[in-house]
Amino acid sequence: MNPNPLISAASVIAAGLAVGLASIGPGVGQGTAAGQAVEGIARQPGAEGKIREQLIRFNNKFFNKPYKEL
């Protein structure tokens, strides 16, 4: 069975676009969380340790576990 080269090329392009677009969401989410943490530290420098700890815990909870554990 010989597949159509046009369909094969379109499939590769579609897969690349899907992976690229799927990576935008987590990047925006993590950037927003980091930005809010920096704003919080700027407002209350004394709470830097607690804010940083919560940011690290958030990132570890959602970005370092396999999907089956979420």
C-alpha atoms as a PDB file:
ATOM      1  CA  MET A   1       0.000   0.000   0.000  1.00  0.00           C
ATOM      2  CA  ASN A   2       1.561   3.268  -1.142  1.00  0.00           C
ATOM      3  CA  PRO A   3       0.152   6.355   0.676  1.00  0.00           C
ATOM      4  CA  ASN A   4      -0.485   9.603  -1.120  1.00  0.00           C
ATOM      5  CA  PRO A   5       2.555  11.901  -0.603  1.00  0.00           C
ATOM      6  CA  LEU A   6       0.336  14.968  -0.270  1.00  0.00           C
ATOM      7  CA  ILE A   7      -1.591  13.388   2.597  1.00  0.00           C
ATOM      8  CA  SER A   8       1.653  12.310   4.262  1.00  0.00           C
ATOM      9  CA  ALA A   9       3.095  15.825   4.032  1.00  0.00           C
ATOM     10  CA  ALA A  10      -0.115  17.391   5.332  1.00  0.00           C
ATOM     11  CA  SER A  11      -0.131  14.952   8.258  1.00  0.00           C
ATOM     12  CA  VAL A  12       3.420  15.885   9.232  1.00  0.00           C
ATOM     13  CA  ILE A  13       2.636  19.602   9.045  1.00  0.00           C
ATOM     14  CA  ALA A  14      -0.577  19.164  11.043  1.00  0.00           C
ATOM     15  CA  ALA A  15       1.241  17.185  13.733  1.00  0.00           C
ATOM     16  CA  GLY A  16       3.901  19.884  14.027  1.00  0.00           C
ATOM     17  CA  LEU A  17       1.297  22.617  14.331  1.00  0.00           C
ATOM     18  CA  ALA A  18      -0.635  20.635  16.938  1.00  0.00           C
ATOM     19  CA  VAL A  19       2.440  20.136  19.115  1.00  0.00           C
ATOM     20  CA  GLY A  20       3.440  23.777  18.747  1.00  0.00           C
ATOM     21  CA  LEU A  21       0.010  25.119  19.612  1.00  0.00           C
ATOM     22  CA  ALA A  22      -0.382  22.695  22.517  1.00  0.00           C
ATOM     23  CA  SER A  23       2.815  24.002  24.096  1.00  0.00           C
ATOM     24  CA  ILE A  24       1.562  27.596  24.191  1.00  0.00           C
ATOM     25  CA  GLY A  25      -0.952  27.040  27.009  1.00  0.00           C
ATOM     26  CA  PRO A  26       1.427  25.678  29.650  1.00  0.00           C
ATOM     27  CA  GLY A  27       4.016  28.288  28.731  1.00  0.00           C
ATOM     28  CA  VAL A  28       1.555  31.122  29.219  1.00  0.00           C
ATOM     29  CA  GLY A  29       0.316  29.621  32.483  1.00  0.00           C
ATOM     30  CA  GLN A  30       3.768  29.202  33.941  1.00  0.00           C
ATOM     31  CA  GLY A  31       4.783  32.680  32.808  1.00  0.00           C
ATOM     32  CA  THR A  32       1.701  34.208  34.416  1.00  0.00           C
ATOM     33  CA  ALA A  33       2.374  32.409  37.693  1.00  0.00           C
ATOM     34  CA  ALA A  34       5.997  33.551  37.720  1.00  0.00           C
ATOM     35  CA  GLY A  35       4.976  37.117  36.899  1.00  0.00           C
ATOM     36  CA  GLN A  36       2.473  37.211  39.730  1.00  0.00           C
ATOM     37  CA  ALA A  37       5.097  35.827  42.112  1.00  0.00           C
ATOM     38  CA  VAL A  38       7.546  38.559  41.119  1.00  0.00           C
ATOM     39  CA  GLU A  39       4.846  41.191  41.649  1.00  0.00           C
ATOM     40  CA  GLY A  40       4.097  39.755  45.082  1.00  0.00           C
ATOM     41  CA  ILE A  41       7.770  39.806  46.038  1.00  0.00           C
ATOM     42  CA  ALA A  42       8.042  43.410  44.832  1.00  0.00           C
ATOM     43  CA  ARG A  43       5.079  44.414  46.999  1.00  0.00           C
ATOM     44  CA  GLN A  44       6.192  42.507  50.097  1.00  0.00           C
ATOM     45  CA  PRO A  45       9.901  41.706  50.090  1.00  0.00           C
ATOM     46  CA  GLY A  46       9.612  40.122  53.531  1.00  0.00           C
ATOM     47  CA  ALA A  47       7.405  37.364  52.139  1.00  0.00           C
ATOM     48  CA  GLU A  48       9.893  36.382  49.447  1.00  0.00           C
ATOM     49  CA  GLY A  49      10.652  32.979  50.969  1.00  0.00           C
ATOM     50  CA  LYS A  50       7.004  31.946  51.238  1.00  0.00           C
ATOM     51  CA  ILE A  51       6.114  33.204  47.768  1.00  0.00           C
ATOM     52  CA  ARG A  52       9.102  31.508  46.173  1.00  0.00           C
ATOM     53  CA  GLU A  53       8.339  28.252  47.992  1.00  0.00           C
ATOM     54  CA  GLN A  54       4.738  28.273  46.780  1.00  0.00           C
ATOM     55  CA  LEU A  55       5.832  28.989  43.212  1.00  0.00           C
ATOM     56  CA  ILE A  56       8.289  26.086  43.279  1.00  0.00           C
ATOM     57  CA  ARG A  57       5.642  23.771  44.726  1.00  0.00           C
ATOM     58  CA  PHE A  58       3.157  24.847  42.054  1.00  0.00           C
ATOM     59  CA  ASN A  59       5.642  24.199  39.264  1.00  0.00           C
ATOM     60  CA  ASN A  60       6.630  20.822  40.687  1.00  0.00           C
ATOM     61  CA  LYS A  61       3.028  19.761  41.172  1.00  0.00           C
ATOM     62  CA  PHE A  62       1.822  20.516  37.673  1.00  0.00           C
ATOM     63  CA  PHE A  63       4.859  20.344  35.432  1.00  0.00           C
ATOM     64  CA  ASN A  64       7.051  17.505  36.707  1.00  0.00           C
ATOM     65  CA  LYS A  65       4.612  14.618  37.177  1.00  0.00           C
ATOM     66  CA  PRO A  66       3.542  12.106  34.589  1.00  0.00           C
ATOM     67  CA  TYR A  67       0.010  12.664  33.350  1.00  0.00           C
ATOM     68  CA  LYS A  68      -1.337   9.530  35.032  1.00  0.00           C
ATOM     69  CA  GLU A  69      -0.478  10.933  38.488  1.00  0.00           C
ATOM     70  CA  LEU A  70      -2.380  14.212  38.076  1.00  0.00           C
END
